[in-house]
N, C-alpha and C. Protein backbone atom coordinates (compact mmCIF):
# COMPACT_ATOMS: atom_id res chain seq x y z
N MET A 1 98.85 32.47 82.71
CA MET A 1 99.33 33.65 83.66
C MET A 1 100.03 33.01 84.77
N GLU A 2 101.28 33.73 84.96
CA GLU A 2 102.12 33.67 85.83
C GLU A 2 102.07 34.19 87.10
N VAL A 3 102.79 33.98 88.19
CA VAL A 3 102.80 34.52 89.53
C VAL A 3 103.45 36.39 89.23
N GLY A 4 102.73 36.79 90.00
CA GLY A 4 102.92 38.48 89.31
C GLY A 4 101.69 39.30 88.37
N ASP A 5 101.41 38.53 87.61
CA ASP A 5 100.43 38.78 86.79
C ASP A 5 99.41 39.51 86.90
N VAL A 6 98.74 40.58 86.45
CA VAL A 6 97.84 41.42 86.99
C VAL A 6 96.50 41.11 85.68
N PHE A 7 95.35 40.73 85.96
CA PHE A 7 94.14 40.97 85.43
C PHE A 7 93.09 42.09 85.41
N ARG A 8 92.83 42.56 84.48
CA ARG A 8 91.42 43.52 84.71
C ARG A 8 90.08 42.50 84.59
N VAL A 9 89.38 42.47 85.37
CA VAL A 9 88.10 41.58 85.00
C VAL A 9 86.77 42.57 85.44
N THR A 10 86.08 42.59 84.43
CA THR A 10 84.71 43.71 84.45
C THR A 10 83.68 43.07 84.31
N ALA A 11 82.81 43.30 85.69
CA ALA A 11 81.82 42.62 85.78
C ALA A 11 80.49 43.37 85.45
N GLY A 12 79.84 42.41 84.38
CA GLY A 12 78.64 43.45 83.36
C GLY A 12 77.41 42.83 83.95
N LEU A 13 76.77 44.25 84.20
CA LEU A 13 75.14 43.96 84.30
C LEU A 13 74.48 44.58 83.30
N ARG A 14 73.12 44.26 83.25
CA ARG A 14 72.04 45.22 82.61
C ARG A 14 70.97 45.78 83.68
N GLY A 15 70.72 47.25 83.35
CA GLY A 15 70.16 47.71 84.40
C GLY A 15 68.54 47.68 83.88
N PRO A 16 67.68 48.20 85.12
CA PRO A 16 66.09 48.11 84.85
C PRO A 16 65.79 48.56 83.42
N ASP A 17 66.59 49.87 82.76
CA ASP A 17 66.15 49.94 81.35
C ASP A 17 66.97 49.66 80.35
N GLY A 18 67.76 48.40 80.59
CA GLY A 18 68.72 48.26 79.60
C GLY A 18 70.21 48.85 79.64
N GLN A 19 70.31 49.76 80.56
CA GLN A 19 71.62 50.20 80.53
C GLN A 19 72.80 49.30 80.98
N THR A 20 73.87 49.67 80.74
CA THR A 20 74.99 49.21 80.86
C THR A 20 75.57 49.30 82.33
N ILE A 21 75.72 48.36 83.22
CA ILE A 21 76.44 48.77 84.17
C ILE A 21 77.85 47.61 84.46
N GLN A 22 79.01 48.74 84.67
CA GLN A 22 80.23 47.79 84.77
C GLN A 22 80.58 48.30 85.98
N ASN A 23 81.56 47.02 86.57
CA ASN A 23 82.37 47.17 87.60
C ASN A 23 83.71 46.79 87.50
N VAL A 24 84.44 47.32 87.85
CA VAL A 24 85.96 46.92 87.37
C VAL A 24 86.92 46.67 88.42
N PHE A 25 87.35 45.67 88.41
CA PHE A 25 88.45 44.70 89.41
C PHE A 25 89.64 44.15 88.73
N HIS A 26 90.43 44.29 89.80
CA HIS A 26 92.08 44.02 89.37
C HIS A 26 92.60 42.86 90.09
N PHE A 27 92.89 41.90 89.61
CA PHE A 27 93.38 40.82 90.52
C PHE A 27 94.87 40.51 90.11
N ALA A 28 95.86 40.26 90.99
CA ALA A 28 97.15 39.51 90.80
C ALA A 28 97.34 38.21 91.17
N LYS A 29 97.86 37.80 90.33
CA LYS A 29 98.25 35.98 90.96
C LYS A 29 99.58 36.06 92.17
N VAL A 30 99.29 35.53 93.12
CA VAL A 30 100.11 35.36 94.19
C VAL A 30 101.02 34.02 94.39
N SER A 31 100.15 32.76 94.12
CA SER A 31 101.08 31.76 93.68
C SER A 31 100.20 30.65 92.89
N GLY A 32 101.05 29.71 92.84
CA GLY A 32 101.01 28.61 91.62
C GLY A 32 101.77 28.41 90.44
N ALA A 33 101.69 27.21 89.93
CA ALA A 33 102.17 27.20 88.61
C ALA A 33 101.66 27.99 87.44
N ASP A 34 102.65 28.38 86.76
CA ASP A 34 102.13 28.93 85.33
C ASP A 34 100.76 28.24 84.86
N THR A 35 99.85 28.69 84.54
CA THR A 35 98.84 28.42 84.01
C THR A 35 97.93 28.87 82.95
N ASP A 36 97.09 28.29 82.40
CA ASP A 36 96.69 28.76 80.96
C ASP A 36 95.66 30.08 81.68
N ASP A 37 95.45 30.99 80.94
CA ASP A 37 94.69 32.18 81.24
C ASP A 37 93.18 31.86 81.57
N LEU A 38 92.60 30.65 80.95
CA LEU A 38 91.07 30.12 81.12
C LEU A 38 91.11 29.84 82.26
N ASP A 39 92.21 29.16 82.97
CA ASP A 39 91.84 28.97 84.65
C ASP A 39 91.55 29.69 85.13
N ALA A 40 92.62 30.90 85.25
CA ALA A 40 92.47 32.23 85.74
C ALA A 40 91.33 32.96 85.67
N MET A 41 91.06 32.97 84.35
CA MET A 41 89.54 33.89 84.36
C MET A 41 88.35 33.08 84.96
N GLU A 42 88.19 31.75 85.01
CA GLU A 42 87.12 30.99 85.44
C GLU A 42 87.37 31.11 86.68
N ASP A 43 88.74 31.40 87.70
CA ASP A 43 88.68 31.73 89.26
C ASP A 43 88.37 32.90 89.20
N PHE A 44 88.38 33.89 88.79
CA PHE A 44 87.99 35.25 88.83
C PHE A 44 86.45 35.36 88.62
N ALA A 45 85.80 34.82 87.60
CA ALA A 45 84.19 34.69 87.45
C ALA A 45 83.87 33.74 88.63
N GLU A 46 84.31 33.09 89.08
CA GLU A 46 84.01 32.54 90.67
C GLU A 46 83.89 33.39 91.54
N ILE A 47 85.03 34.04 91.62
CA ILE A 47 85.09 34.96 93.07
C ILE A 47 83.98 36.04 92.64
N LEU A 48 83.91 36.75 91.69
CA LEU A 48 82.74 37.57 91.22
C LEU A 48 81.45 37.20 91.28
N ASP A 49 81.37 35.69 90.96
CA ASP A 49 79.77 35.13 91.15
C ASP A 49 79.51 35.14 92.66
N GLU A 50 80.42 34.52 93.31
CA GLU A 50 80.49 34.75 94.86
C GLU A 50 79.85 36.16 95.52
N LEU A 51 80.73 36.97 95.21
CA LEU A 51 80.46 38.11 95.67
C LEU A 51 79.13 38.90 95.26
N TYR A 52 78.73 38.73 94.01
CA TYR A 52 77.24 39.26 93.42
C TYR A 52 76.20 38.43 93.95
N VAL A 53 76.77 37.02 94.27
CA VAL A 53 75.37 35.89 94.58
C VAL A 53 75.09 36.51 96.04
N SER A 54 76.22 37.03 97.13
CA SER A 54 75.66 37.47 98.12
C SER A 54 75.24 38.84 98.33
N LEU A 55 75.14 39.62 97.07
CA LEU A 55 74.35 40.93 97.15
C LEU A 55 73.19 40.89 96.36
N GLU A 56 72.79 39.98 95.57
CA GLU A 56 71.45 40.10 95.02
C GLU A 56 70.50 40.46 95.63
N ASP A 57 70.13 40.60 96.84
CA ASP A 57 69.21 41.23 97.38
C ASP A 57 69.38 42.63 97.45
N PHE A 58 70.36 43.24 97.09
CA PHE A 58 70.65 44.53 96.74
C PHE A 58 69.71 45.11 95.36
N PHE A 59 69.77 44.15 94.52
CA PHE A 59 69.37 44.38 93.21
C PHE A 59 67.88 44.21 92.99
N PRO A 60 66.96 45.20 92.15
CA PRO A 60 66.13 45.01 91.81
C PRO A 60 66.18 43.50 90.73
N ASP A 61 65.15 42.89 90.34
CA ASP A 61 64.99 41.93 89.52
C ASP A 61 65.02 42.31 88.07
N THR A 62 65.26 43.52 87.99
CA THR A 62 64.97 44.11 86.78
C THR A 62 66.53 44.42 86.17
N VAL A 63 67.66 44.04 87.37
CA VAL A 63 68.81 44.10 87.12
C VAL A 63 69.15 42.78 86.67
N THR A 64 70.26 42.63 85.41
CA THR A 64 70.33 40.99 85.00
C THR A 64 71.63 41.00 84.96
N ALA A 65 72.61 39.67 85.10
CA ALA A 65 73.70 39.53 84.42
C ALA A 65 73.89 39.46 83.39
N ASP A 66 75.40 40.11 82.71
CA ASP A 66 75.56 40.26 81.21
C ASP A 66 76.65 39.51 81.15
N GLU A 67 77.72 39.93 81.06
CA GLU A 67 78.86 38.89 80.94
C GLU A 67 80.15 39.35 81.86
N ILE A 68 81.06 38.90 81.92
CA ILE A 68 82.13 38.77 82.87
C ILE A 68 83.32 39.17 81.63
N SER A 69 84.10 40.24 81.28
CA SER A 69 85.09 40.44 80.24
C SER A 69 86.28 40.41 81.14
N PHE A 70 87.52 40.61 80.53
CA PHE A 70 89.01 40.16 80.86
C PHE A 70 90.13 40.62 80.00
N PHE A 71 91.13 41.23 80.83
CA PHE A 71 91.97 42.13 80.24
C PHE A 71 93.55 41.72 80.93
N ASP A 72 94.37 41.26 80.01
CA ASP A 72 95.88 40.79 80.79
C ASP A 72 96.30 42.26 80.79
N VAL A 73 96.46 42.60 81.93
CA VAL A 73 97.11 44.00 82.08
C VAL A 73 98.48 44.10 82.06
N THR A 74 99.34 42.95 82.50
CA THR A 74 100.73 43.03 82.61
C THR A 74 101.24 42.87 80.99
N ASN A 75 100.32 42.05 80.07
CA ASN A 75 100.71 41.89 78.71
C ASN A 75 100.08 42.41 77.71
N HIS A 76 99.34 43.31 78.07
CA HIS A 76 98.49 44.25 77.23
C HIS A 76 97.61 43.21 76.30
N VAL A 77 96.81 42.36 76.71
CA VAL A 77 96.14 41.63 75.74
C VAL A 77 94.75 41.40 76.10
N PRO A 78 93.79 41.69 75.21
CA PRO A 78 92.47 41.16 75.64
C PRO A 78 92.21 39.98 75.51
N LEU A 79 91.09 39.50 76.11
CA LEU A 79 90.97 38.01 76.40
C LEU A 79 89.09 37.92 76.15
N PRO A 80 88.92 37.00 75.87
CA PRO A 80 87.46 36.42 76.14
C PRO A 80 86.42 36.95 77.12
N SER A 81 85.28 36.86 76.85
CA SER A 81 84.44 37.33 77.91
C SER A 81 83.96 35.62 78.23
N LEU A 82 83.29 35.71 79.62
CA LEU A 82 82.40 34.31 79.95
C LEU A 82 81.02 34.90 80.91
N GLY A 83 80.49 34.17 80.50
CA GLY A 83 79.06 34.22 81.23
C GLY A 83 79.42 34.11 82.78
N TRP A 84 78.47 34.58 83.50
CA TRP A 84 78.46 34.29 85.22
C TRP A 84 78.17 32.99 85.55
N PRO A 85 79.04 32.28 86.46
CA PRO A 85 78.56 31.13 86.69
C PRO A 85 77.25 30.81 87.14
N THR A 86 76.81 31.67 88.40
CA THR A 86 75.26 31.14 88.63
C THR A 86 74.37 32.49 88.83
N PHE A 87 74.93 33.50 89.39
CA PHE A 87 74.54 34.88 89.08
C PHE A 87 73.85 34.90 88.00
N THR A 88 72.44 35.57 88.32
CA THR A 88 71.65 35.68 86.96
C THR A 88 70.95 37.22 87.25
N GLY A 89 70.81 38.07 88.16
CA GLY A 89 70.56 39.42 88.52
C GLY A 89 70.00 39.40 89.78
N GLY A 90 69.17 40.63 89.88
CA GLY A 90 68.47 40.82 91.20
C GLY A 90 67.56 39.85 91.52
N ALA A 91 67.26 40.24 93.04
CA ALA A 91 66.42 38.90 93.51
C ALA A 91 65.19 39.50 93.92
N VAL A 92 65.08 40.78 94.06
CA VAL A 92 64.00 41.29 94.86
C VAL A 92 62.83 41.93 93.53
N ALA A 93 61.76 41.78 93.67
CA ALA A 93 60.72 42.27 93.15
C ALA A 93 59.88 43.67 93.34
N VAL A 94 60.95 44.77 93.39
CA VAL A 94 60.46 46.01 94.09
C VAL A 94 61.00 47.10 92.71
N GLU A 95 60.26 48.32 93.45
CA GLU A 95 60.92 49.09 92.29
C GLU A 95 62.63 49.61 92.46
N ALA A 96 63.44 50.10 91.84
CA ALA A 96 64.79 50.36 92.08
C ALA A 96 64.85 51.83 92.16
N GLU A 97 66.02 52.02 92.84
CA GLU A 97 66.00 53.69 93.43
C GLU A 97 66.73 54.29 91.58
N PRO A 98 66.87 55.42 91.85
CA PRO A 98 67.12 56.37 90.50
C PRO A 98 68.28 55.39 89.92
N PRO A 99 68.78 55.36 88.62
CA PRO A 99 69.68 54.57 88.40
C PRO A 99 71.32 54.82 88.84
N ALA A 100 71.51 55.74 89.23
CA ALA A 100 72.98 56.09 89.32
C ALA A 100 73.12 55.73 90.93
N CYS A 101 71.93 55.62 91.66
CA CYS A 101 72.07 55.50 92.98
C CYS A 101 72.61 54.12 93.43
N SER A 102 73.89 54.24 94.21
CA SER A 102 74.54 53.00 94.56
C SER A 102 74.95 52.94 95.64
N ALA A 103 75.24 51.61 96.26
CA ALA A 103 76.17 51.42 97.46
C ALA A 103 77.51 51.41 97.11
N LEU A 104 78.52 52.28 98.22
CA LEU A 104 79.92 52.39 98.16
C LEU A 104 80.47 51.93 98.59
N VAL A 105 81.58 51.01 98.42
CA VAL A 105 82.65 50.36 99.36
C VAL A 105 84.15 51.04 98.92
N VAL A 106 84.93 51.71 99.85
CA VAL A 106 86.13 52.17 99.52
C VAL A 106 86.70 50.96 100.05
N PHE A 107 87.98 50.55 99.26
CA PHE A 107 88.86 49.67 99.60
C PHE A 107 90.17 50.18 99.63
N ARG A 108 90.69 50.56 100.76
CA ARG A 108 91.95 51.19 101.32
C ARG A 108 93.36 49.99 100.91
N THR A 109 94.36 50.68 100.24
CA THR A 109 95.67 49.88 100.28
C THR A 109 96.87 50.21 100.89
N GLY A 110 96.79 50.67 101.94
CA GLY A 110 97.87 51.26 102.73
C GLY A 110 99.04 52.07 102.31
N GLN A 111 98.62 52.54 100.83
CA GLN A 111 99.36 53.44 100.08
C GLN A 111 98.57 54.98 100.21
N SER A 112 98.95 56.19 100.48
CA SER A 112 98.38 57.10 100.50
C SER A 112 97.70 57.34 98.61
N ARG A 113 96.71 57.91 98.72
CA ARG A 113 96.14 58.18 97.41
C ARG A 113 95.90 57.04 96.29
N ARG A 114 95.99 55.93 97.15
CA ARG A 114 95.67 54.58 96.27
C ARG A 114 94.29 53.94 96.91
N LEU A 115 93.20 54.50 96.56
CA LEU A 115 91.96 53.59 97.21
C LEU A 115 91.08 53.35 95.88
N GLY A 116 90.68 51.95 96.17
CA GLY A 116 89.63 51.47 95.44
C GLY A 116 88.35 51.67 95.56
N ARG A 117 87.24 51.81 94.87
CA ARG A 117 85.98 52.33 94.93
C ARG A 117 85.17 51.45 94.02
N LYS A 118 84.27 50.67 94.72
CA LYS A 118 83.25 49.78 94.24
C LYS A 118 82.08 50.18 94.19
N PHE A 119 81.24 50.52 93.39
CA PHE A 119 79.90 50.83 93.51
C PHE A 119 78.83 49.72 92.99
N PHE A 120 77.99 49.24 93.96
CA PHE A 120 77.11 48.34 93.73
C PHE A 120 75.85 48.96 93.37
N GLY A 121 75.11 49.04 92.26
CA GLY A 121 73.88 49.58 92.08
C GLY A 121 73.22 49.08 90.49
N PRO A 122 72.04 49.28 90.19
CA PRO A 122 71.18 50.30 90.99
C PRO A 122 70.34 49.47 92.18
N LEU A 123 70.37 49.97 93.13
CA LEU A 123 69.81 49.33 94.35
C LEU A 123 68.42 49.19 94.15
N GLN A 124 67.94 48.39 94.68
CA GLN A 124 66.25 48.15 95.35
C GLN A 124 65.69 49.09 96.20
N ASP A 125 64.32 49.65 95.91
CA ASP A 125 64.06 50.29 96.97
C ASP A 125 63.85 50.14 98.63
N GLY A 126 63.48 49.08 98.78
CA GLY A 126 63.90 48.45 100.08
C GLY A 126 65.29 48.26 100.74
N ALA A 127 66.14 48.75 100.20
CA ALA A 127 67.66 48.35 100.91
C ALA A 127 68.13 49.82 101.49
N THR A 128 67.25 50.84 101.10
CA THR A 128 67.81 52.38 101.87
C THR A 128 66.37 52.67 102.29
N THR A 129 66.72 53.64 103.23
CA THR A 129 65.95 54.76 103.87
C THR A 129 66.31 55.94 104.14
N GLY A 130 65.92 57.07 103.53
CA GLY A 130 66.22 58.24 103.96
C GLY A 130 67.77 58.69 102.99
N GLY A 131 68.33 57.90 102.11
CA GLY A 131 69.21 58.24 101.77
C GLY A 131 70.40 57.32 102.39
N GLU A 132 70.04 56.41 103.05
CA GLU A 132 71.20 55.58 103.52
C GLU A 132 70.66 54.17 103.47
N LEU A 133 71.65 53.38 103.41
CA LEU A 133 71.64 51.89 103.82
C LEU A 133 70.70 51.45 104.89
N GLU A 134 69.99 50.61 104.88
CA GLU A 134 69.31 49.63 106.28
C GLU A 134 70.20 49.28 106.70
N ALA A 135 70.35 49.20 108.15
CA ALA A 135 71.40 48.27 109.03
C ALA A 135 71.60 47.20 108.29
N GLY A 136 70.61 46.21 108.27
CA GLY A 136 71.03 44.86 107.88
C GLY A 136 71.64 44.75 106.13
N SER A 137 71.40 45.91 105.13
CA SER A 137 72.09 45.81 104.28
C SER A 137 73.44 46.51 104.32
N LEU A 138 73.55 47.05 105.09
CA LEU A 138 74.89 47.68 105.25
C LEU A 138 75.97 46.38 106.01
N VAL A 139 75.32 45.59 107.09
CA VAL A 139 76.50 44.62 107.24
C VAL A 139 76.37 43.99 106.01
N GLN A 140 75.57 43.52 105.23
CA GLN A 140 75.60 42.43 104.16
C GLN A 140 76.74 43.04 103.32
N LEU A 141 76.74 44.61 102.78
CA LEU A 141 77.54 44.77 101.99
C LEU A 141 79.09 44.96 102.50
N ALA A 142 79.16 45.04 104.15
CA ALA A 142 80.75 44.90 104.35
C ALA A 142 80.78 43.64 104.57
N SER A 143 80.04 42.36 104.72
CA SER A 143 80.56 41.25 104.79
C SER A 143 81.05 40.90 103.43
N ALA A 144 80.20 41.24 102.37
CA ALA A 144 80.87 40.73 101.15
C ALA A 144 81.98 41.61 100.50
N ALA A 145 81.97 42.67 100.56
CA ALA A 145 83.60 43.56 100.75
C ALA A 145 84.48 42.73 101.37
N GLY A 146 84.62 42.27 102.40
CA GLY A 146 85.55 41.63 103.58
C GLY A 146 85.81 40.29 102.94
N ALA A 147 84.88 39.93 101.93
CA ALA A 147 85.58 38.60 101.10
C ALA A 147 86.69 38.85 100.17
N LEU A 148 86.78 40.37 99.69
CA LEU A 148 88.08 40.69 98.85
C LEU A 148 89.23 40.88 99.37
N LEU A 149 89.12 40.94 100.79
CA LEU A 149 90.37 40.95 101.25
C LEU A 149 91.14 39.51 101.60
N GLY A 150 92.50 39.87 101.39
CA GLY A 150 93.41 38.43 101.70
C GLY A 150 93.33 37.79 100.63
N LEU A 151 94.08 36.73 100.75
CA LEU A 151 94.17 35.95 99.66
C LEU A 151 92.57 34.93 99.13
N LEU A 152 92.76 35.11 98.01
CA LEU A 152 91.47 34.58 97.19
C LEU A 152 92.12 33.52 96.54
N SER A 153 91.10 32.43 96.31
CA SER A 153 91.14 31.34 95.64
C SER A 153 90.41 30.68 94.61
N GLY A 154 90.71 30.03 93.45
CA GLY A 154 89.33 29.40 92.87
C GLY A 154 89.31 28.05 93.11
N GLU A 155 88.95 27.33 91.86
CA GLU A 155 89.20 25.86 91.86
C GLU A 155 90.20 25.50 91.06
N SER A 156 90.96 26.06 90.56
CA SER A 156 92.38 25.81 90.03
C SER A 156 93.42 25.61 90.85
N GLY A 157 93.13 26.36 92.47
CA GLY A 157 94.11 26.10 93.45
C GLY A 157 94.77 27.25 93.55
N HIS A 158 94.93 27.95 92.53
CA HIS A 158 96.07 29.23 92.66
C HIS A 158 95.22 30.05 93.66
N THR A 159 96.21 31.18 94.08
CA THR A 159 95.61 32.15 94.94
C THR A 159 96.16 33.61 94.13
N TYR A 160 95.20 34.46 94.68
CA TYR A 160 95.47 35.81 93.81
C TYR A 160 95.06 36.99 95.10
N TYR A 161 95.42 38.27 94.96
CA TYR A 161 94.93 39.60 95.60
C TYR A 161 94.18 40.26 94.75
N ALA A 162 93.17 40.79 95.18
CA ALA A 162 92.08 41.99 94.62
C ALA A 162 92.88 43.50 95.01
N GLY A 163 93.29 44.35 93.99
CA GLY A 163 93.78 45.70 94.51
C GLY A 163 93.29 46.39 93.06
N ILE A 164 94.56 47.52 93.16
CA ILE A 164 94.24 48.37 92.30
C ILE A 164 95.11 48.57 91.48
N VAL A 165 95.37 48.90 90.22
CA VAL A 165 96.86 49.17 89.45
C VAL A 165 97.06 50.80 89.22
N SER A 166 97.98 50.88 89.29
CA SER A 166 98.51 52.52 89.24
C SER A 166 99.71 52.40 88.48
N THR A 167 99.67 53.55 87.28
CA THR A 167 100.66 53.56 86.14
C THR A 167 102.00 53.80 86.49
N LEU A 168 101.79 54.70 88.01
CA LEU A 168 103.21 55.23 88.45
C LEU A 168 103.84 53.94 89.34
N GLY A 169 102.80 53.02 90.26
CA GLY A 169 103.49 52.50 91.09
C GLY A 169 103.03 50.86 91.00
N GLY A 170 102.32 50.43 90.25
CA GLY A 170 102.15 48.92 90.36
C GLY A 170 100.81 48.75 90.78
N PHE A 171 100.92 47.55 91.31
CA PHE A 171 99.61 46.72 91.84
C PHE A 171 99.51 47.16 93.50
N PHE A 172 98.47 47.42 93.81
CA PHE A 172 98.53 47.73 95.40
C PHE A 172 97.29 46.84 95.84
N ARG A 173 97.18 46.01 96.66
CA ARG A 173 96.46 45.03 97.11
C ARG A 173 95.39 45.49 98.08
N PHE A 174 94.28 45.15 98.12
CA PHE A 174 93.22 45.85 99.20
C PHE A 174 93.80 45.04 100.52
N ILE A 175 93.53 46.13 101.81
CA ILE A 175 94.05 45.71 102.73
C ILE A 175 92.77 45.92 103.93
N GLU A 176 92.11 46.94 103.28
CA GLU A 176 90.57 47.20 104.24
C GLU A 176 89.58 47.55 103.29
N ALA A 177 88.31 47.16 103.82
CA ALA A 177 87.17 47.79 103.27
C ALA A 177 86.24 48.72 104.23
N VAL A 178 85.75 49.63 103.60
CA VAL A 178 84.97 50.35 104.26
C VAL A 178 83.43 50.57 103.43
N ALA A 179 82.44 49.99 103.83
CA ALA A 179 81.21 50.25 103.46
C ALA A 179 80.43 51.40 103.69
N ARG A 180 80.27 52.25 103.05
CA ARG A 180 79.86 53.86 103.15
C ARG A 180 78.36 53.29 103.66
N PRO A 181 77.63 54.12 104.66
CA PRO A 181 76.23 53.75 104.76
C PRO A 181 75.21 55.03 103.85
N ILE A 182 75.82 55.66 103.72
CA ILE A 182 75.25 56.97 102.51
C ILE A 182 75.21 56.43 101.20
N ILE A 183 73.99 56.72 100.36
CA ILE A 183 74.18 55.93 99.23
C ILE A 183 75.26 57.19 98.51
N ALA A 184 75.95 56.36 97.57
CA ALA A 184 76.69 57.18 96.55
C ALA A 184 76.13 57.43 95.02
N TYR A 185 76.50 58.28 94.36
CA TYR A 185 75.72 58.62 93.13
C TYR A 185 77.25 58.39 92.14
N GLN A 186 76.92 57.08 91.56
CA GLN A 186 77.88 56.80 90.56
C GLN A 186 77.52 57.71 88.80
N ARG A 187 78.44 58.18 89.13
CA ARG A 187 78.26 59.07 87.42
C ARG A 187 78.62 58.34 86.41
N ARG A 188 78.30 58.96 85.23
CA ARG A 188 78.91 58.46 83.89
C ARG A 188 80.39 59.02 83.85
N ARG A 189 80.95 58.09 83.20
CA ARG A 189 82.47 58.64 82.87
C ARG A 189 82.20 59.01 81.26
N LYS A 190 81.43 58.58 80.70
CA LYS A 190 81.32 58.78 79.19
C LYS A 190 80.13 59.00 78.77
N GLN A 191 79.65 60.07 77.98
CA GLN A 191 78.23 60.39 77.73
C GLN A 191 77.57 59.37 76.97
N GLY A 192 76.85 58.53 77.46
CA GLY A 192 75.85 57.68 76.61
C GLY A 192 76.52 56.05 77.11
N VAL A 193 77.40 56.00 77.99
CA VAL A 193 78.08 54.64 78.31
C VAL A 193 77.94 54.42 79.99
N GLY A 194 77.27 53.44 80.18
CA GLY A 194 77.26 53.11 81.52
C GLY A 194 76.13 53.66 82.50
N ILE A 195 76.30 53.41 83.66
CA ILE A 195 75.70 54.70 84.76
C ILE A 195 76.63 55.18 85.71
């Protein structure tokens, strides 16, 4: 991976009924010598692992970690998947909200019409009241989302930005995160796939 290269990283989970849950992130390398793709993949797995471990109280214990998959967007090359370093799944032994009910973070990039949306769900029943996140849960979500802003680094010592990829404009890094207090509904993109 060279400076400027972009990877798509998909955080995979299994829901309470075995459904596939995927959250897609994009990372661009900012600094460091050219490196083996595996080093960058391990850095991204570490970054996502820290994010999801900080949110494990959001998920019921019926949500389990699946795998983290990678794609080199710059060179159009699929890469192998890795397991989660430490995240195993939800930590709370309660009922889940309906499968598509999720916490939502909107990431702004500073460019009009260039927003990132990350859904974290399904939520455990105690994280919400009346269709909104509990105050403590909202603070926890905002703190976790804030960890994706600015320079990110992994054990390799290289640095990266999280952001979105536009086919028209390239890579746009996240500069602001807004944790939404109202529960969002994450709909299927393709019939029978994911939530």
